[in-house]
Amino acid sequence: MSKICQITGKRPMVGNNVSHSKRHTKRKFDVNLFTKKFYWPEQDCWIELKLSAAGLRVINKIGLDAAIKRAAEKGYLNA
């Protein structure tokens, strides 16, 4: 599975590697992802999501059901 948050859709970013030499290369900034299990009372089941730290804050702010509906509308949540 790729490194994408299932709630916010955050992906790895690419930027410049700042070293003090003549060689200029790109580097990859990964997302702070972790897997977490949630109990979803509306569906009466446990689900496991791959979240970023920002995704966890979204769930805490608007609730699990609203966050899942918003992610499904935007196409971040698969299945």
PDB file of N, CA and C in Angstrom:
ATOM      1  N   MET A   1       0.838  -1.179   0.000  1.00  0.00           N
ATOM      2  CA  MET A   1       0.000   0.000   0.000  1.00  0.00           C
ATOM      3  C   MET A   1       0.881   1.239   0.000  1.00  0.00           C
ATOM      4  N   SER A   2       0.441   2.266  -0.703  1.00  0.00           N
ATOM      5  CA  SER A   2       1.252   3.460  -0.829  1.00  0.00           C
ATOM      6  C   SER A   2       1.167   4.331   0.420  1.00  0.00           C
ATOM      7  N   LYS A   3       2.056   5.299   0.479  1.00  0.00           N
ATOM      8  CA  LYS A   3       2.135   6.175   1.648  1.00  0.00           C
ATOM      9  C   LYS A   3       1.222   7.380   1.462  1.00  0.00           C
ATOM     10  N   ILE A   4      -0.089   7.144   1.590  1.00  0.00           N
ATOM     11  CA  ILE A   4      -1.093   8.191   1.444  1.00  0.00           C
ATOM     12  C   ILE A   4      -2.047   8.095   2.630  1.00  0.00           C
ATOM     13  N   CYS A   5      -2.351   9.231   3.244  1.00  0.00           N
ATOM     14  CA  CYS A   5      -3.311   9.257   4.343  1.00  0.00           C
ATOM     15  C   CYS A   5      -4.705   9.012   3.780  1.00  0.00           C
ATOM     16  N   GLN A   6      -5.463   8.115   4.406  1.00  0.00           N
ATOM     17  CA  GLN A   6      -6.791   7.769   3.917  1.00  0.00           C
ATOM     18  C   GLN A   6      -7.845   8.797   4.301  1.00  0.00           C
ATOM     19  N   ILE A   7      -7.534   9.718   5.174  1.00  0.00           N
ATOM     20  CA  ILE A   7      -8.502  10.743   5.583  1.00  0.00           C
ATOM     21  C   ILE A   7      -8.221  12.083   4.892  1.00  0.00           C
ATOM     22  N   THR A   8      -6.973  12.523   4.889  1.00  0.00           N
ATOM     23  CA  THR A   8      -6.655  13.830   4.322  1.00  0.00           C
ATOM     24  C   THR A   8      -6.102  13.760   2.908  1.00  0.00           C
ATOM     25  N   GLY A   9      -5.629  12.613   2.468  1.00  0.00           N
ATOM     26  CA  GLY A   9      -5.064  12.480   1.135  1.00  0.00           C
ATOM     27  C   GLY A   9      -3.648  12.994   1.012  1.00  0.00           C
ATOM     28  N   LYS A  10      -2.974  13.228   2.145  1.00  0.00           N
ATOM     29  CA  LYS A  10      -1.596  13.718   2.102  1.00  0.00           C
ATOM     30  C   LYS A  10      -0.691  12.673   1.480  1.00  0.00           C
ATOM     31  N   ARG A  11       0.241  13.147   0.634  1.00  0.00           N
ATOM     32  CA  ARG A  11       1.192  12.289  -0.073  1.00  0.00           C
ATOM     33  C   ARG A  11       2.608  12.769   0.217  1.00  0.00           C
ATOM     34  N   PRO A  12       3.602  11.943  -0.088  1.00  0.00           N
ATOM     35  CA  PRO A  12       4.990  12.419   0.048  1.00  0.00           C
ATOM     36  C   PRO A  12       5.262  13.582  -0.897  1.00  0.00           C
ATOM     37  N   MET A  13       6.083  14.506  -0.439  1.00  0.00           N
ATOM     38  CA  MET A  13       6.455  15.667  -1.253  1.00  0.00           C
ATOM     39  C   MET A  13       7.911  15.531  -1.682  1.00  0.00           C
ATOM     40  N   VAL A  14       8.261  16.197  -2.760  1.00  0.00           N
ATOM     41  CA  VAL A  14       9.629  16.194  -3.260  1.00  0.00           C
ATOM     42  C   VAL A  14      10.161  17.608  -3.172  1.00  0.00           C
ATOM     43  N   GLY A  15      11.395  17.719  -2.675  1.00  0.00           N
ATOM     44  CA  GLY A  15      11.995  19.041  -2.558  1.00  0.00           C
ATOM     45  C   GLY A  15      13.487  18.964  -2.800  1.00  0.00           C
ATOM     46  N   ASN A  16      14.143  20.070  -2.623  1.00  0.00           N
ATOM     47  CA  ASN A  16      15.582  20.126  -2.843  1.00  0.00           C
ATOM     48  C   ASN A  16      16.332  19.682  -1.602  1.00  0.00           C
ATOM     49  N   ASN A  17      17.412  18.953  -1.826  1.00  0.00           N
ATOM     50  CA  ASN A  17      18.299  18.549  -0.750  1.00  0.00           C
ATOM     51  C   ASN A  17      19.338  19.656  -0.585  1.00  0.00           C
ATOM     52  N   VAL A  18      19.371  20.285   0.580  1.00  0.00           N
ATOM     53  CA  VAL A  18      20.277  21.402   0.786  1.00  0.00           C
ATOM     54  C   VAL A  18      21.539  20.878   1.451  1.00  0.00           C
ATOM     55  N   SER A  19      22.542  20.655   0.644  1.00  0.00           N
ATOM     56  CA  SER A  19      23.861  20.332   1.172  1.00  0.00           C
ATOM     57  C   SER A  19      24.799  21.399   0.649  1.00  0.00           C
ATOM     58  N   HIS A  20      25.832  21.630   1.343  1.00  0.00           N
ATOM     59  CA  HIS A  20      26.730  22.719   0.969  1.00  0.00           C
ATOM     60  C   HIS A  20      27.851  22.191   0.079  1.00  0.00           C
ATOM     61  N   SER A  21      27.438  21.598  -1.021  1.00  0.00           N
ATOM     62  CA  SER A  21      28.391  21.102  -2.006  1.00  0.00           C
ATOM     63  C   SER A  21      27.835  21.411  -3.392  1.00  0.00           C
ATOM     64  N   LYS A  22      28.548  21.026  -4.412  1.00  0.00           N
ATOM     65  CA  LYS A  22      28.138  21.313  -5.782  1.00  0.00           C
ATOM     66  C   LYS A  22      27.036  20.386  -6.281  1.00  0.00           C
ATOM     67  N   ARG A  23      26.834  19.266  -5.625  1.00  0.00           N
ATOM     68  CA  ARG A  23      25.864  18.276  -6.086  1.00  0.00           C
ATOM     69  C   ARG A  23      24.461  18.665  -5.605  1.00  0.00           C
ATOM     70  N   HIS A  24      23.544  18.823  -6.567  1.00  0.00           N
ATOM     71  CA  HIS A  24      22.166  19.169  -6.230  1.00  0.00           C
ATOM     72  C   HIS A  24      21.279  17.975  -6.547  1.00  0.00           C
ATOM     73  N   THR A  25      20.625  17.463  -5.543  1.00  0.00           N
ATOM     74  CA  THR A  25      19.741  16.320  -5.745  1.00  0.00           C
ATOM     75  C   THR A  25      18.399  16.610  -5.099  1.00  0.00           C
ATOM     76  N   LYS A  26      17.435  15.812  -5.471  1.00  0.00           N
ATOM     77  CA  LYS A  26      16.104  15.928  -4.876  1.00  0.00           C
ATOM     78  C   LYS A  26      16.003  14.976  -3.696  1.00  0.00           C
ATOM     79  N   ARG A  27      15.139  15.293  -2.758  1.00  0.00           N
ATOM     80  CA  ARG A  27      14.875  14.393  -1.651  1.00  0.00           C
ATOM     81  C   ARG A  27      13.382  14.266  -1.470  1.00  0.00           C
ATOM     82  N   LYS A  28      12.970  13.233  -0.742  1.00  0.00           N
ATOM     83  CA  LYS A  28      11.557  12.927  -0.554  1.00  0.00           C
ATOM     84  C   LYS A  28      11.180  13.178   0.907  1.00  0.00           C
ATOM     85  N   PHE A  29      10.143  13.961   1.120  1.00  0.00           N
ATOM     86  CA  PHE A  29       9.625  14.227   2.457  1.00  0.00           C
ATOM     87  C   PHE A  29       8.412  13.332   2.659  1.00  0.00           C
ATOM     88  N   ASP A  30       8.564  12.296   3.464  1.00  0.00           N
ATOM     89  CA  ASP A  30       7.473  11.360   3.691  1.00  0.00           C
ATOM     90  C   ASP A  30       6.449  11.934   4.662  1.00  0.00           C
ATOM     91  N   VAL A  31       5.261  11.385   4.603  1.00  0.00           N
ATOM     92  CA  VAL A  31       4.169  11.784   5.482  1.00  0.00           C
ATOM     93  C   VAL A  31       4.296  11.017   6.791  1.00  0.00           C
ATOM     94  N   ASN A  32       3.896  11.637   7.888  1.00  0.00           N
ATOM     95  CA  ASN A  32       3.937  10.997   9.197  1.00  0.00           C
ATOM     96  C   ASN A  32       2.742  10.038   9.306  1.00  0.00           C
ATOM     97  N   LEU A  33       2.890   8.818   8.780  1.00  0.00           N
ATOM     98  CA  LEU A  33       1.794   7.853   8.715  1.00  0.00           C
ATOM     99  C   LEU A  33       1.910   6.785   9.783  1.00  0.00           C
ATOM    100  N   PHE A  34       0.769   6.335  10.248  1.00  0.00           N
ATOM    101  CA  PHE A  34       0.687   5.191  11.144  1.00  0.00           C
ATOM    102  C   PHE A  34      -0.663   4.536  10.952  1.00  0.00           C
ATOM    103  N   THR A  35      -0.779   3.274  11.344  1.00  0.00           N
ATOM    104  CA  THR A  35      -2.062   2.584  11.246  1.00  0.00           C
ATOM    105  C   THR A  35      -2.732   2.605  12.610  1.00  0.00           C
ATOM    106  N   LYS A  36      -4.036   2.785  12.599  1.00  0.00           N
ATOM    107  CA  LYS A  36      -4.797   2.876  13.842  1.00  0.00           C
ATOM    108  C   LYS A  36      -6.149   2.230  13.650  1.00  0.00           C
ATOM    109  N   LYS A  37      -6.591   1.492  14.658  1.00  0.00           N
ATOM    110  CA  LYS A  37      -7.898   0.863  14.616  1.00  0.00           C
ATOM    111  C   LYS A  37      -8.903   1.732  15.352  1.00  0.00           C
ATOM    112  N   PHE A  38     -10.080   1.873  14.755  1.00  0.00           N
ATOM    113  CA  PHE A  38     -11.167   2.658  15.335  1.00  0.00           C
ATOM    114  C   PHE A  38     -12.414   1.792  15.401  1.00  0.00           C
ATOM    115  N   TYR A  39     -13.214   2.017  16.425  1.00  0.00           N
ATOM    116  CA  TYR A  39     -14.534   1.392  16.480  1.00  0.00           C
ATOM    117  C   TYR A  39     -15.515   2.364  15.857  1.00  0.00           C
ATOM    118  N   TRP A  40     -16.260   1.884  14.864  1.00  0.00           N
ATOM    119  CA  TRP A  40     -17.216   2.704  14.136  1.00  0.00           C
ATOM    120  C   TRP A  40     -18.611   2.328  14.595  1.00  0.00           C
ATOM    121  N   PRO A  41     -19.203   3.074  15.542  1.00  0.00           N
ATOM    122  CA  PRO A  41     -20.494   2.674  16.126  1.00  0.00           C
ATOM    123  C   PRO A  41     -21.658   2.695  15.132  1.00  0.00           C
ATOM    124  N   GLU A  42     -21.603   3.549  14.110  1.00  0.00           N
ATOM    125  CA  GLU A  42     -22.689   3.605  13.137  1.00  0.00           C
ATOM    126  C   GLU A  42     -22.793   2.312  12.332  1.00  0.00           C
ATOM    127  N   GLN A  43     -21.650   1.669  12.077  1.00  0.00           N
ATOM    128  CA  GLN A  43     -21.627   0.414  11.337  1.00  0.00           C
ATOM    129  C   GLN A  43     -21.429  -0.792  12.253  1.00  0.00           C
ATOM    130  N   ASP A  44     -21.193  -0.549  13.539  1.00  0.00           N
ATOM    131  CA  ASP A  44     -20.976  -1.584  14.553  1.00  0.00           C
ATOM    132  C   ASP A  44     -19.830  -2.521  14.144  1.00  0.00           C
ATOM    133  N   CYS A  45     -18.672  -1.910  13.796  1.00  0.00           N
ATOM    134  CA  CYS A  45     -17.514  -2.718  13.404  1.00  0.00           C
ATOM    135  C   CYS A  45     -16.235  -1.945  13.718  1.00  0.00           C
ATOM    136  N   TRP A  46     -15.129  -2.667  13.686  1.00  0.00           N
ATOM    137  CA  TRP A  46     -13.806  -2.080  13.830  1.00  0.00           C
ATOM    138  C   TRP A  46     -13.227  -1.872  12.442  1.00  0.00           C
ATOM    139  N   ILE A  47     -12.558  -0.734  12.233  1.00  0.00           N
ATOM    140  CA  ILE A  47     -11.880  -0.486  10.968  1.00  0.00           C
ATOM    141  C   ILE A  47     -10.447  -0.079  11.261  1.00  0.00           C
ATOM    142  N   GLU A  48      -9.570  -0.357  10.319  1.00  0.00           N
ATOM    143  CA  GLU A  48      -8.177   0.024  10.447  1.00  0.00           C
ATOM    144  C   GLU A  48      -7.857   1.018   9.340  1.00  0.00           C
ATOM    145  N   LEU A  49      -7.347   2.173   9.740  1.00  0.00           N
ATOM    146  CA  LEU A  49      -7.027   3.236   8.787  1.00  0.00           C
ATOM    147  C   LEU A  49      -5.548   3.552   8.829  1.00  0.00           C
ATOM    148  N   LYS A  50      -5.014   3.949   7.687  1.00  0.00           N
ATOM    149  CA  LYS A  50      -3.645   4.442   7.597  1.00  0.00           C
ATOM    150  C   LYS A  50      -3.731   5.963   7.614  1.00  0.00           C
ATOM    151  N   LEU A  51      -3.312   6.573   8.727  1.00  0.00           N
ATOM    152  CA  LEU A  51      -3.531   7.992   8.981  1.00  0.00           C
ATOM    153  C   LEU A  51      -2.240   8.774   9.098  1.00  0.00           C
ATOM    154  N   SER A  52      -2.329  10.047   8.790  1.00  0.00           N
ATOM    155  CA  SER A  52      -1.278  10.985   9.161  1.00  0.00           C
ATOM    156  C   SER A  52      -1.688  11.618  10.491  1.00  0.00           C
ATOM    157  N   ALA A  53      -0.779  12.357  11.074  1.00  0.00           N
ATOM    158  CA  ALA A  53      -1.101  13.037  12.324  1.00  0.00           C
ATOM    159  C   ALA A  53      -2.219  14.062  12.100  1.00  0.00           C
ATOM    160  N   ALA A  54      -2.223  14.709  10.935  1.00  0.00           N
ATOM    161  CA  ALA A  54      -3.283  15.666  10.617  1.00  0.00           C
ATOM    162  C   ALA A  54      -4.623  14.950  10.455  1.00  0.00           C
ATOM    163  N   GLY A  55      -4.608  13.738   9.911  1.00  0.00           N
ATOM    164  CA  GLY A  55      -5.842  12.966   9.777  1.00  0.00           C
ATOM    165  C   GLY A  55      -6.440  12.595  11.119  1.00  0.00           C
ATOM    166  N   LEU A  56      -5.586  12.289  12.075  1.00  0.00           N
ATOM    167  CA  LEU A  56      -6.074  11.981  13.415  1.00  0.00           C
ATOM    168  C   LEU A  56      -6.712  13.206  14.057  1.00  0.00           C
ATOM    169  N   ARG A  57      -6.144  14.379  13.822  1.00  0.00           N
ATOM    170  CA  ARG A  57      -6.738  15.611  14.354  1.00  0.00           C
ATOM    171  C   ARG A  57      -8.090  15.899  13.697  1.00  0.00           C
ATOM    172  N   VAL A  58      -8.227  15.587  12.416  1.00  0.00           N
ATOM    173  CA  VAL A  58      -9.509  15.773  11.732  1.00  0.00           C
ATOM    174  C   VAL A  58     -10.569  14.865  12.358  1.00  0.00           C
ATOM    175  N   ILE A  59     -10.210  13.613  12.627  1.00  0.00           N
ATOM    176  CA  ILE A  59     -11.158  12.679  13.246  1.00  0.00           C
ATOM    177  C   ILE A  59     -11.551  13.158  14.635  1.00  0.00           C
ATOM    178  N   ASN A  60     -10.597  13.670  15.397  1.00  0.00           N
ATOM    179  CA  ASN A  60     -10.905  14.183  16.735  1.00  0.00           C
ATOM    180  C   ASN A  60     -11.803  15.414  16.660  1.00  0.00           C
ATOM    181  N   LYS A  61     -11.666  16.199  15.608  1.00  0.00           N
ATOM    182  CA  LYS A  61     -12.425  17.445  15.499  1.00  0.00           C
ATOM    183  C   LYS A  61     -13.854  17.225  15.015  1.00  0.00           C
ATOM    184  N   ILE A  62     -14.034  16.458  13.918  1.00  0.00           N
ATOM    185  CA  ILE A  62     -15.371  16.337  13.336  1.00  0.00           C
ATOM    186  C   ILE A  62     -16.024  14.985  13.563  1.00  0.00           C
ATOM    187  N   GLY A  63     -15.276  14.028  14.085  1.00  0.00           N
ATOM    188  CA  GLY A  63     -15.839  12.704  14.348  1.00  0.00           C
ATOM    189  C   GLY A  63     -15.479  11.717  13.243  1.00  0.00           C
ATOM    190  N   LEU A  64     -15.509  10.440  13.597  1.00  0.00           N
ATOM    191  CA  LEU A  64     -15.097   9.387  12.675  1.00  0.00           C
ATOM    192  C   LEU A  64     -16.049   9.268  11.491  1.00  0.00           C
ATOM    193  N   ASP A  65     -17.341   9.266  11.745  1.00  0.00           N
ATOM    194  CA  ASP A  65     -18.320   9.075  10.675  1.00  0.00           C
ATOM    195  C   ASP A  65     -18.243  10.199   9.644  1.00  0.00           C
ATOM    196  N   ALA A  66     -18.174  11.450  10.101  1.00  0.00           N
ATOM    197  CA  ALA A  66     -18.094  12.591   9.185  1.00  0.00           C
ATOM    198  C   ALA A  66     -16.772  12.594   8.420  1.00  0.00           C
ATOM    199  N   ALA A  67     -15.683  12.206   9.078  1.00  0.00           N
ATOM    200  CA  ALA A  67     -14.383  12.179   8.410  1.00  0.00           C
ATOM    201  C   ALA A  67     -14.349  11.101   7.329  1.00  0.00           C
ATOM    202  N   ILE A  68     -14.951   9.947   7.587  1.00  0.00           N
ATOM    203  CA  ILE A  68     -14.981   8.872   6.595  1.00  0.00           C
ATOM    204  C   ILE A  68     -15.854   9.272   5.411  1.00  0.00           C
ATOM    205  N   LYS A  69     -16.981   9.913   5.673  1.00  0.00           N
ATOM    206  CA  LYS A  69     -17.846  10.361   4.582  1.00  0.00           C
ATOM    207  C   LYS A  69     -17.141  11.406   3.719  1.00  0.00           C
ATOM    208  N   ARG A  70     -16.439  12.344   4.352  1.00  0.00           N
ATOM    209  CA  ARG A  70     -15.717  13.378   3.611  1.00  0.00           C
ATOM    210  C   ARG A  70     -14.593  12.764   2.770  1.00  0.00           C
ATOM    211  N   ALA A  71     -13.869  11.798   3.335  1.00  0.00           N
ATOM    212  CA  ALA A  71     -12.774  11.152   2.604  1.00  0.00           C
ATOM    213  C   ALA A  71     -13.299  10.321   1.437  1.00  0.00           C
ATOM    214  N   ALA A  72     -14.458   9.683   1.617  1.00  0.00           N
ATOM    215  CA  ALA A  72     -15.043   8.896   0.527  1.00  0.00           C
ATOM    216  C   ALA A  72     -15.514   9.803  -0.608  1.00  0.00           C
ATOM    217  N   GLU A  73     -16.072  10.973  -0.274  1.00  0.00           N
ATOM    218  CA  GLU A  73     -16.500  11.916  -1.312  1.00  0.00           C
ATOM    219  C   GLU A  73     -15.317  12.419  -2.133  1.00  0.00           C
ATOM    220  N   LYS A  74     -14.194  12.683  -1.470  1.00  0.00           N
ATOM    221  CA  LYS A  74     -13.033  13.202  -2.167  1.00  0.00           C
ATOM    222  C   LYS A  74     -12.219  12.104  -2.838  1.00  0.00           C
ATOM    223  N   GLY A  75     -12.528  10.844  -2.543  1.00  0.00           N
ATOM    224  CA  GLY A  75     -11.843   9.736  -3.205  1.00  0.00           C
ATOM    225  C   GLY A  75     -10.564   9.282  -2.510  1.00  0.00           C
ATOM    226  N   TYR A  76     -10.337   9.714  -1.276  1.00  0.00           N
ATOM    227  CA  TYR A  76      -9.132   9.308  -0.551  1.00  0.00           C
ATOM    228  C   TYR A  76      -9.256   7.910   0.031  1.00  0.00           C
ATOM    229  N   LEU A  77     -10.462   7.521   0.363  1.00  0.00           N
ATOM    230  CA  LEU A  77     -10.705   6.249   1.038  1.00  0.00           C
ATOM    231  C   LEU A  77     -11.064   5.210  -0.020  1.00  0.00           C
ATOM    232  N   ASN A  78     -10.309   4.139  -0.052  1.00  0.00           N
ATOM    233  CA  ASN A  78     -10.598   3.072  -1.002  1.00  0.00           C
ATOM    234  C   ASN A  78     -11.341   1.952  -0.284  1.00  0.00           C
ATOM    235  N   ALA A  79     -12.372   1.443  -0.927  1.00  0.00           N
ATOM    236  CA  ALA A  79     -13.248   0.381  -0.407  1.00  0.00           C
ATOM    237  C   ALA A  79     -13.979   0.826   0.759  1.00  0.00           C
TER     238      ALA A  79
END
